[in-house]
Amino acid sequence: MPMSISKMIAAHPDVTEVNEPLAVAVRHAMFCAVICTSCADACTAEAMDMRQCIRTCLDCADICETTAKVAVRQTGRSILIVQAMLESCIAACDVCAAECERHDHPHCWRCAEMCRECADDCRRALPTVH
């Protein structure tokens, strides 16, 4: 049986119902962190100056990773912090997608697509955190 974020959250003693939109956002934030890190690495191999793209991708990766970590914690109540992290993740993903869309590189296009998906999932999850 494959492990999932939802199953892990459901196994927490304090959880009576899994917030599926939040679980999906966590999953995509984890993927987005890895994709952004990979894009930043690929940008270092490009002949043109990709410093801004690298910086934006690495910032987005860190924010996505932290958002995922904070959002899976179920002990105690951190509603305002989870909401703030989701909002930060949305902003970082939107900025990263816009930056990557400026470049004619397949790794940037894929990164932009992942960032848009992650931002959309975080937008869907945000109103469910209360």
Protein backbone atom coordinates (compact mmCIF):
# COMPACT_ATOMS: atom_id res chain seq x y z
CA MET A 1 0.00 0.00 0.00
CA PRO A 2 1.61 3.30 -1.07
CA MET A 3 2.03 6.00 1.53
CA SER A 4 0.21 9.29 1.07
CA ILE A 5 0.11 12.61 2.85
CA SER A 6 -3.58 12.07 3.63
CA LYS A 7 -2.91 8.68 5.22
CA MET A 8 -0.12 10.11 7.34
CA ILE A 9 -2.27 13.01 8.53
CA ALA A 10 -5.16 10.61 9.23
CA ALA A 11 -2.86 8.53 11.44
CA HIS A 12 -2.37 11.47 13.83
CA PRO A 13 -4.21 10.88 17.15
CA ASP A 14 -5.78 14.37 17.10
CA VAL A 15 -7.18 14.15 13.55
CA THR A 16 -10.83 13.21 13.09
CA GLU A 17 -11.11 14.37 9.47
CA VAL A 18 -8.36 15.00 6.91
CA ASN A 19 -8.38 18.34 5.13
CA GLU A 20 -7.93 16.94 1.61
CA PRO A 21 -7.35 20.29 -0.15
CA LEU A 22 -4.58 21.02 2.34
CA ALA A 23 -3.09 17.53 1.87
CA VAL A 24 -3.03 18.08 -1.91
CA ALA A 25 -1.38 21.48 -1.43
CA VAL A 26 1.26 19.88 0.80
CA ARG A 27 1.97 17.21 -1.80
CA HIS A 28 2.35 19.74 -4.60
CA ALA A 29 4.45 22.07 -2.43
CA MET A 30 6.87 19.19 -1.84
CA PHE A 31 7.03 18.48 -5.59
CA CYS A 32 7.39 22.17 -6.37
CA ALA A 33 10.33 22.51 -3.99
CA VAL A 34 12.19 19.75 -5.80
CA ILE A 35 11.27 21.01 -9.28
CA CYS A 36 12.38 24.56 -8.41
CA THR A 37 15.67 23.27 -7.02
CA SER A 38 16.23 21.25 -10.18
CA CYS A 39 15.41 24.26 -12.37
CA ALA A 40 17.85 26.44 -10.42
CA ASP A 41 20.54 23.82 -10.93
CA ALA A 42 19.79 23.62 -14.67
CA CYS A 43 19.91 27.41 -14.87
CA THR A 44 23.51 27.33 -13.62
CA ALA A 45 24.44 25.35 -16.75
CA GLU A 46 22.87 27.86 -19.16
CA ALA A 47 25.21 30.13 -21.11
CA MET A 48 23.16 33.26 -20.40
CA ASP A 49 22.95 35.14 -17.09
CA MET A 50 20.27 33.29 -15.13
CA ARG A 51 21.03 34.76 -11.68
CA GLN A 52 17.55 36.16 -11.11
CA CYS A 53 15.87 32.93 -12.17
CA ILE A 54 18.19 30.90 -9.93
CA ARG A 55 17.47 33.16 -6.95
CA THR A 56 13.71 33.09 -7.57
CA CYS A 57 13.65 29.30 -7.94
CA LEU A 58 15.68 28.75 -4.78
CA ASP A 59 13.50 31.16 -2.79
CA CYS A 60 10.38 29.40 -4.07
CA ALA A 61 11.84 25.97 -3.24
CA ASP A 62 12.57 27.02 0.34
CA ILE A 63 9.13 28.57 0.83
CA CYS A 64 7.35 25.54 -0.66
CA GLU A 65 9.34 23.13 1.52
CA THR A 66 8.63 25.12 4.67
CA THR A 67 4.95 25.46 3.78
CA ALA A 68 4.64 21.69 3.40
CA LYS A 69 6.37 21.05 6.72
CA VAL A 70 4.25 23.56 8.64
CA ALA A 71 0.98 22.44 7.03
CA VAL A 72 1.34 18.76 7.97
CA ARG A 73 1.77 19.49 11.66
CA GLN A 74 -1.47 18.63 13.42
CA THR A 75 -0.62 19.07 17.11
CA GLY A 76 -1.87 22.35 18.55
CA ARG A 77 -3.47 25.16 16.57
CA SER A 78 -1.44 27.26 14.14
CA ILE A 79 -4.19 28.44 11.83
CA LEU A 80 -2.78 31.94 11.26
CA ILE A 81 0.69 30.57 10.57
CA VAL A 82 -0.59 27.91 8.15
CA GLN A 83 -2.65 30.55 6.35
CA ALA A 84 0.36 32.88 6.17
CA MET A 85 2.54 30.08 4.81
CA LEU A 86 -0.04 29.21 2.15
CA GLU A 87 -0.22 32.88 1.15
CA SER A 88 3.59 33.06 1.00
CA CYS A 89 3.70 29.90 -1.08
CA ILE A 90 1.15 31.34 -3.51
CA ALA A 91 3.17 34.55 -3.87
CA ALA A 92 6.49 32.73 -4.28
CA CYS A 93 5.04 30.34 -6.86
CA ASP A 94 3.43 33.18 -8.83
CA VAL A 95 6.72 35.13 -8.90
CA CYS A 96 8.74 32.04 -9.81
CA ALA A 97 6.33 31.02 -12.57
CA ALA A 98 6.46 34.53 -14.07
CA GLU A 99 10.26 34.54 -13.97
CA CYS A 100 10.59 31.06 -15.48
CA GLU A 101 8.07 31.88 -18.22
CA ARG A 102 10.45 34.62 -19.42
CA HIS A 103 13.05 32.02 -20.47
CA ASP A 104 13.15 29.74 -23.49
CA HIS A 105 14.36 26.65 -21.62
CA PRO A 106 12.34 23.42 -21.15
CA HIS A 107 13.36 23.20 -17.48
CA CYS A 108 11.98 26.70 -16.90
CA TRP A 109 8.71 25.87 -18.66
CA ARG A 110 8.26 22.78 -16.51
CA CYS A 111 9.10 24.72 -13.38
CA ALA A 112 6.60 27.45 -14.28
CA GLU A 113 3.90 24.82 -14.84
CA MET A 114 4.58 23.19 -11.46
CA CYS A 115 4.58 26.57 -9.73
CA ARG A 116 1.20 27.46 -11.25
CA GLU A 117 -0.25 24.10 -10.12
CA CYS A 118 1.15 24.55 -6.61
CA ALA A 119 -0.19 28.10 -6.34
CA ASP A 120 -3.64 26.95 -7.50
CA ASP A 121 -3.68 24.12 -4.94
CA CYS A 122 -2.64 26.50 -2.16
CA ARG A 123 -5.40 28.91 -3.21
CA ARG A 124 -7.93 26.07 -2.97
CA ALA A 125 -6.58 25.00 0.43
CA LEU A 126 -6.43 28.48 1.98
CA PRO A 127 -10.17 28.90 2.72
CA THR A 128 -10.31 25.40 4.22
CA VAL A 129 -7.84 26.27 7.00
CA HIS A 130 -9.93 27.58 9.88
